[in-house]
Amino acid sequence: MTNMDPEAINARAAALQEATGERLSRMKRRNEAMLQAQSRMKNITATATSPDNAVQATVDSGGMLVDLRISPTAKGDIARLVVDAVQRAAAQVRSETHRLHEELRAEGVLRDIPLLPTAPTPQPTPSGPVPSRPAPSRPKPASRDDDDDEPRAVLRDEGW
């Protein structure tokens, strides 16, 4: 190890202290930006309305339905209108979340944008009546050895 004069040591220490202060300051700014973004993301909601204005659905930041309004004059396949409106609202939430992630990446807070779930593609709803299934038949109870066609108690004192 070489001997350095005290002035060089002090200059080196000051430079390291300044670099450390800059890194700490940058880390604090990134942390604050991340906390603000997380708060904003938690509060994202989106509302979508069916083309005929019969159904209005609002979802939260996770895509969960938080409000549903159906007009009393709504006609047609209400279930399809609800599903479509919810999916459109969820897509809006994902878009806003993606935009916030882009901002964080542009500011250097994030390196990569997290993968966000995608919405399932709506399946066409079949028209016409929905076929009904017959009620399932109940299986007959297993016969017992002591089954001698005599009436017996419905509740028996047998171990559970």
C-alpha atoms as a PDB file:
ATOM      1  CA  MET A   1       0.000   0.000   0.000  1.00  0.00           C
ATOM      2  CA  THR A   2       1.383   3.364  -0.934  1.00  0.00           C
ATOM      3  CA  ASN A   3       1.626   6.223   1.483  1.00  0.00           C
ATOM      4  CA  MET A   4      -0.670   9.073   0.524  1.00  0.00           C
ATOM      5  CA  ASP A   5      -0.362  12.546   1.844  1.00  0.00           C
ATOM      6  CA  PRO A   6      -3.177  13.763   4.116  1.00  0.00           C
ATOM      7  CA  GLU A   7      -4.525  16.182   1.509  1.00  0.00           C
ATOM      8  CA  ALA A   8      -4.950  13.380  -1.050  1.00  0.00           C
ATOM      9  CA  ILE A   9      -6.644  11.206   1.558  1.00  0.00           C
ATOM     10  CA  ASN A  10      -9.038  14.024   2.480  1.00  0.00           C
ATOM     11  CA  ALA A  11      -9.775  14.740  -1.198  1.00  0.00           C
ATOM     12  CA  ARG A  12     -10.479  11.058  -1.856  1.00  0.00           C
ATOM     13  CA  ALA A  13     -12.728  10.831   1.226  1.00  0.00           C
ATOM     14  CA  ALA A  14     -14.645  13.945   0.127  1.00  0.00           C
ATOM     15  CA  ALA A  15     -15.147  12.499  -3.376  1.00  0.00           C
ATOM     16  CA  LEU A  16     -16.423   9.205  -1.963  1.00  0.00           C
ATOM     17  CA  GLN A  17     -18.717  11.040   0.433  1.00  0.00           C
ATOM     18  CA  GLU A  18     -20.131  13.132  -2.427  1.00  0.00           C
ATOM     19  CA  ALA A  19     -20.672  10.060  -4.632  1.00  0.00           C
ATOM     20  CA  THR A  20     -22.383   8.263  -1.757  1.00  0.00           C
ATOM     21  CA  GLY A  21     -24.624  11.273  -1.140  1.00  0.00           C
ATOM     22  CA  GLU A  22     -25.606  11.394  -4.827  1.00  0.00           C
ATOM     23  CA  ARG A  23     -26.425   7.684  -4.876  1.00  0.00           C
ATOM     24  CA  LEU A  24     -28.431   7.970  -1.674  1.00  0.00           C
ATOM     25  CA  SER A  25     -30.341  10.944  -3.068  1.00  0.00           C
ATOM     26  CA  ARG A  26     -31.069   9.063  -6.325  1.00  0.00           C
ATOM     27  CA  MET A  27     -32.225   6.017  -4.347  1.00  0.00           C
ATOM     28  CA  LYS A  28     -34.582   8.183  -2.258  1.00  0.00           C
ATOM     29  CA  ARG A  29     -36.073   9.776  -5.412  1.00  0.00           C
ATOM     30  CA  ARG A  30     -36.634   6.332  -6.959  1.00  0.00           C
ATOM     31  CA  ASN A  31     -38.223   5.046  -3.765  1.00  0.00           C
ATOM     32  CA  GLU A  32     -40.551   8.064  -3.576  1.00  0.00           C
ATOM     33  CA  ALA A  33     -41.512   7.656  -7.239  1.00  0.00           C
ATOM     34  CA  MET A  34     -42.231   3.966  -6.672  1.00  0.00           C
ATOM     35  CA  LEU A  35     -44.369   4.662  -3.592  1.00  0.00           C
ATOM     36  CA  GLN A  36     -46.348   7.331  -5.460  1.00  0.00           C
ATOM     37  CA  ALA A  37     -46.870   4.996  -8.413  1.00  0.00           C
ATOM     38  CA  GLN A  38     -48.021   2.171  -6.131  1.00  0.00           C
ATOM     39  CA  SER A  39     -50.516   4.509  -4.486  1.00  0.00           C
ATOM     40  CA  ARG A  40     -51.785   5.688  -7.867  1.00  0.00           C
ATOM     41  CA  MET A  41     -52.046   2.102  -9.147  1.00  0.00           C
ATOM     42  CA  LYS A  42     -54.114   1.025  -6.131  1.00  0.00           C
ATOM     43  CA  ASN A  43     -56.599   3.798  -6.857  1.00  0.00           C
ATOM     44  CA  ILE A  44     -57.074   3.093 -10.564  1.00  0.00           C
ATOM     45  CA  THR A  45     -60.642   2.319 -11.547  1.00  0.00           C
ATOM     46  CA  ALA A  46     -62.280   2.219 -14.939  1.00  0.00           C
ATOM     47  CA  THR A  47     -65.874   2.259 -16.095  1.00  0.00           C
ATOM     48  CA  ALA A  48     -67.203   0.915 -19.374  1.00  0.00           C
ATOM     49  CA  THR A  49     -70.709   1.148 -20.756  1.00  0.00           C
ATOM     50  CA  SER A  50     -72.470  -1.138 -23.212  1.00  0.00           C
ATOM     51  CA  PRO A  51     -73.100   0.337 -26.678  1.00  0.00           C
ATOM     52  CA  ASP A  52     -76.806   0.787 -25.882  1.00  0.00           C
ATOM     53  CA  ASN A  53     -76.027   2.345 -22.440  1.00  0.00           C
ATOM     54  CA  ALA A  54     -78.033  -0.417 -20.742  1.00  0.00           C
ATOM     55  CA  VAL A  55     -75.099  -1.711 -18.673  1.00  0.00           C
ATOM     56  CA  GLN A  56     -72.340   0.210 -16.894  1.00  0.00           C
ATOM     57  CA  ALA A  57     -69.551  -1.712 -15.137  1.00  0.00           C
ATOM     58  CA  THR A  58     -66.759  -0.331 -12.941  1.00  0.00           C
ATOM     59  CA  VAL A  59     -63.677  -2.353 -11.994  1.00  0.00           C
ATOM     60  CA  ASP A  60     -60.839  -1.671  -9.550  1.00  0.00           C
ATOM     61  CA  SER A  61     -57.093  -1.858 -10.117  1.00  0.00           C
ATOM     62  CA  GLY A  62     -57.182  -5.650  -9.993  1.00  0.00           C
ATOM     63  CA  GLY A  63     -59.981  -5.884 -12.548  1.00  0.00           C
ATOM     64  CA  MET A  64     -62.548  -6.838  -9.900  1.00  0.00           C
ATOM     65  CA  LEU A  65     -66.091  -5.621 -10.460  1.00  0.00           C
ATOM     66  CA  VAL A  66     -66.891  -2.921  -7.868  1.00  0.00           C
ATOM     67  CA  ASP A  67     -70.046  -1.396  -9.355  1.00  0.00           C
ATOM     68  CA  LEU A  68     -72.637  -2.582 -11.831  1.00  0.00           C
ATOM     69  CA  ARG A  69     -75.568  -0.552 -13.071  1.00  0.00           C
ATOM     70  CA  ILE A  70     -78.248  -2.054 -15.279  1.00  0.00           C
ATOM     71  CA  SER A  71     -80.880   0.173 -16.806  1.00  0.00           C
ATOM     72  CA  PRO A  72     -84.464  -0.882 -16.053  1.00  0.00           C
ATOM     73  CA  THR A  73     -85.120  -0.629 -19.780  1.00  0.00           C
ATOM     74  CA  ALA A  74     -82.289  -3.045 -20.636  1.00  0.00           C
ATOM     75  CA  LYS A  75     -83.207  -5.617 -23.238  1.00  0.00           C
ATOM     76  CA  GLY A  76     -81.440  -8.495 -24.869  1.00  0.00           C
ATOM     77  CA  ASP A  77     -78.681 -10.648 -23.494  1.00  0.00           C
ATOM     78  CA  ILE A  78     -77.863  -8.768 -20.277  1.00  0.00           C
ATOM     79  CA  ALA A  79     -75.207 -11.289 -19.215  1.00  0.00           C
ATOM     80  CA  ARG A  80     -73.249 -10.747 -22.441  1.00  0.00           C
ATOM     81  CA  LEU A  81     -73.520  -6.957 -22.063  1.00  0.00           C
ATOM     82  CA  VAL A  82     -72.247  -7.192 -18.477  1.00  0.00           C
ATOM     83  CA  VAL A  83     -69.303  -9.416 -19.400  1.00  0.00           C
ATOM     84  CA  ASP A  84     -68.356  -7.178 -22.330  1.00  0.00           C
ATOM     85  CA  ALA A  85     -68.533  -4.016 -20.205  1.00  0.00           C
ATOM     86  CA  VAL A  86     -66.472  -5.582 -17.392  1.00  0.00           C
ATOM     87  CA  GLN A  87     -63.826  -6.782 -19.840  1.00  0.00           C
ATOM     88  CA  ARG A  88     -63.570  -3.358 -21.480  1.00  0.00           C
ATOM     89  CA  ALA A  89     -63.228  -1.677 -18.073  1.00  0.00           C
ATOM     90  CA  ALA A  90     -60.549  -4.192 -17.022  1.00  0.00           C
ATOM     91  CA  ALA A  91     -58.664  -3.490 -20.261  1.00  0.00           C
ATOM     92  CA  GLN A  92     -58.719   0.226 -19.404  1.00  0.00           C
ATOM     93  CA  VAL A  93     -57.260  -0.530 -15.960  1.00  0.00           C
ATOM     94  CA  ARG A  94     -54.484  -2.646 -17.493  1.00  0.00           C
ATOM     95  CA  SER A  95     -53.730   0.138 -19.979  1.00  0.00           C
ATOM     96  CA  GLU A  96     -53.454   2.759 -17.211  1.00  0.00           C
ATOM     97  CA  THR A  97     -51.266   0.449 -15.108  1.00  0.00           C
ATOM     98  CA  HIS A  98     -49.021  -0.161 -18.121  1.00  0.00           C
ATOM     99  CA  ARG A  99     -48.775   3.612 -18.674  1.00  0.00           C
ATOM    100  CA  LEU A 100     -47.658   4.108 -15.047  1.00  0.00           C
ATOM    101  CA  HIS A 101     -45.039   1.365 -15.438  1.00  0.00           C
ATOM    102  CA  GLU A 102     -43.796   3.094 -18.615  1.00  0.00           C
ATOM    103  CA  GLU A 103     -43.400   6.360 -16.667  1.00  0.00           C
ATOM    104  CA  LEU A 104     -41.375   4.567 -13.986  1.00  0.00           C
ATOM    105  CA  ARG A 105     -39.189   2.923 -16.618  1.00  0.00           C
ATOM    106  CA  ALA A 106     -38.616   6.272 -18.359  1.00  0.00           C
ATOM    107  CA  GLU A 107     -37.592   7.823 -15.018  1.00  0.00           C
ATOM    108  CA  GLY A 108     -35.141   4.984 -14.405  1.00  0.00           C
ATOM    109  CA  VAL A 109     -37.073   3.616 -11.425  1.00  0.00           C
ATOM    110  CA  LEU A 110     -37.862   0.323 -13.192  1.00  0.00           C
ATOM    111  CA  ARG A 111     -35.665  -1.490 -15.672  1.00  0.00           C
ATOM    112  CA  ASP A 112     -38.382  -3.698 -17.151  1.00  0.00           C
ATOM    113  CA  ILE A 113     -42.115  -3.360 -17.317  1.00  0.00           C
ATOM    114  CA  PRO A 114     -43.789  -6.184 -15.367  1.00  0.00           C
ATOM    115  CA  LEU A 115     -45.898  -8.559 -17.384  1.00  0.00           C
ATOM    116  CA  LEU A 116     -49.545  -7.833 -16.780  1.00  0.00           C
ATOM    117  CA  PRO A 117     -52.263 -10.419 -17.203  1.00  0.00           C
ATOM    118  CA  THR A 118     -54.255 -10.163 -20.385  1.00  0.00           C
ATOM    119  CA  ALA A 119     -57.994 -10.399 -20.578  1.00  0.00           C
ATOM    120  CA  PRO A 120     -59.552 -13.490 -22.058  1.00  0.00           C
ATOM    121  CA  THR A 121     -61.069 -12.989 -25.479  1.00  0.00           C
ATOM    122  CA  PRO A 122     -64.841 -12.831 -25.139  1.00  0.00           C
ATOM    123  CA  GLN A 123     -66.491 -15.912 -26.537  1.00  0.00           C
ATOM    124  CA  PRO A 124     -69.524 -15.404 -28.743  1.00  0.00           C
ATOM    125  CA  THR A 125     -72.704 -16.038 -26.851  1.00  0.00           C
ATOM    126  CA  PRO A 126     -74.900 -18.674 -28.499  1.00  0.00           C
ATOM    127  CA  SER A 127     -78.323 -17.402 -29.411  1.00  0.00           C
ATOM    128  CA  GLY A 128     -81.483 -19.223 -28.494  1.00  0.00           C
ATOM    129  CA  PRO A 129     -82.551 -21.001 -25.352  1.00  0.00           C
ATOM    130  CA  VAL A 130     -79.949 -22.582 -23.144  1.00  0.00           C
ATOM    131  CA  PRO A 131     -80.388 -26.360 -22.993  1.00  0.00           C
ATOM    132  CA  SER A 132     -81.350 -27.538 -19.550  1.00  0.00           C
ATOM    133  CA  ARG A 133     -79.890 -30.599 -17.935  1.00  0.00           C
ATOM    134  CA  PRO A 134     -82.094 -33.151 -16.269  1.00  0.00           C
ATOM    135  CA  ALA A 135     -81.833 -33.216 -12.512  1.00  0.00           C
ATOM    136  CA  PRO A 136     -79.206 -35.716 -11.388  1.00  0.00           C
ATOM    137  CA  SER A 137     -80.670 -38.879  -9.937  1.00  0.00           C
ATOM    138  CA  ARG A 138     -79.802 -39.699  -6.365  1.00  0.00           C
ATOM    139  CA  PRO A 139     -77.960 -42.958  -5.840  1.00  0.00           C
ATOM    140  CA  LYS A 140     -79.797 -45.591  -3.874  1.00  0.00           C
ATOM    141  CA  PRO A 141     -78.365 -46.173  -0.422  1.00  0.00           C
ATOM    142  CA  ALA A 142     -76.265 -49.278  -0.047  1.00  0.00           C
ATOM    143  CA  SER A 143     -78.181 -52.188   1.412  1.00  0.00           C
ATOM    144  CA  ARG A 144     -77.270 -53.275   4.874  1.00  0.00           C
ATOM    145  CA  ASP A 145     -77.041 -56.798   6.189  1.00  0.00           C
ATOM    146  CA  ASP A 146     -79.707 -56.113   8.778  1.00  0.00           C
ATOM    147  CA  ASP A 147     -82.087 -54.674   6.144  1.00  0.00           C
ATOM    148  CA  ASP A 148     -85.222 -56.739   6.720  1.00  0.00           C
ATOM    149  CA  ASP A 149     -87.838 -54.317   5.363  1.00  0.00           C
ATOM    150  CA  GLU A 150     -88.817 -53.259   8.854  1.00  0.00           C
ATOM    151  CA  PRO A 151     -89.217 -49.581   9.564  1.00  0.00           C
ATOM    152  CA  ARG A 152     -86.181 -48.147  11.232  1.00  0.00           C
ATOM    153  CA  ALA A 153     -85.177 -44.871  12.782  1.00  0.00           C
ATOM    154  CA  VAL A 154     -83.951 -42.169  10.465  1.00  0.00           C
ATOM    155  CA  LEU A 155     -81.353 -41.113  12.998  1.00  0.00           C
ATOM    156  CA  ARG A 156     -79.404 -44.021  14.358  1.00  0.00           C
ATOM    157  CA  ASP A 157     -77.079 -43.979  17.299  1.00  0.00           C
ATOM    158  CA  GLU A 158     -74.040 -45.103  15.371  1.00  0.00           C
ATOM    159  CA  GLY A 159     -70.585 -43.665  15.625  1.00  0.00           C
ATOM    160  CA  TRP A 160     -69.791 -40.846  13.266  1.00  0.00           C
END
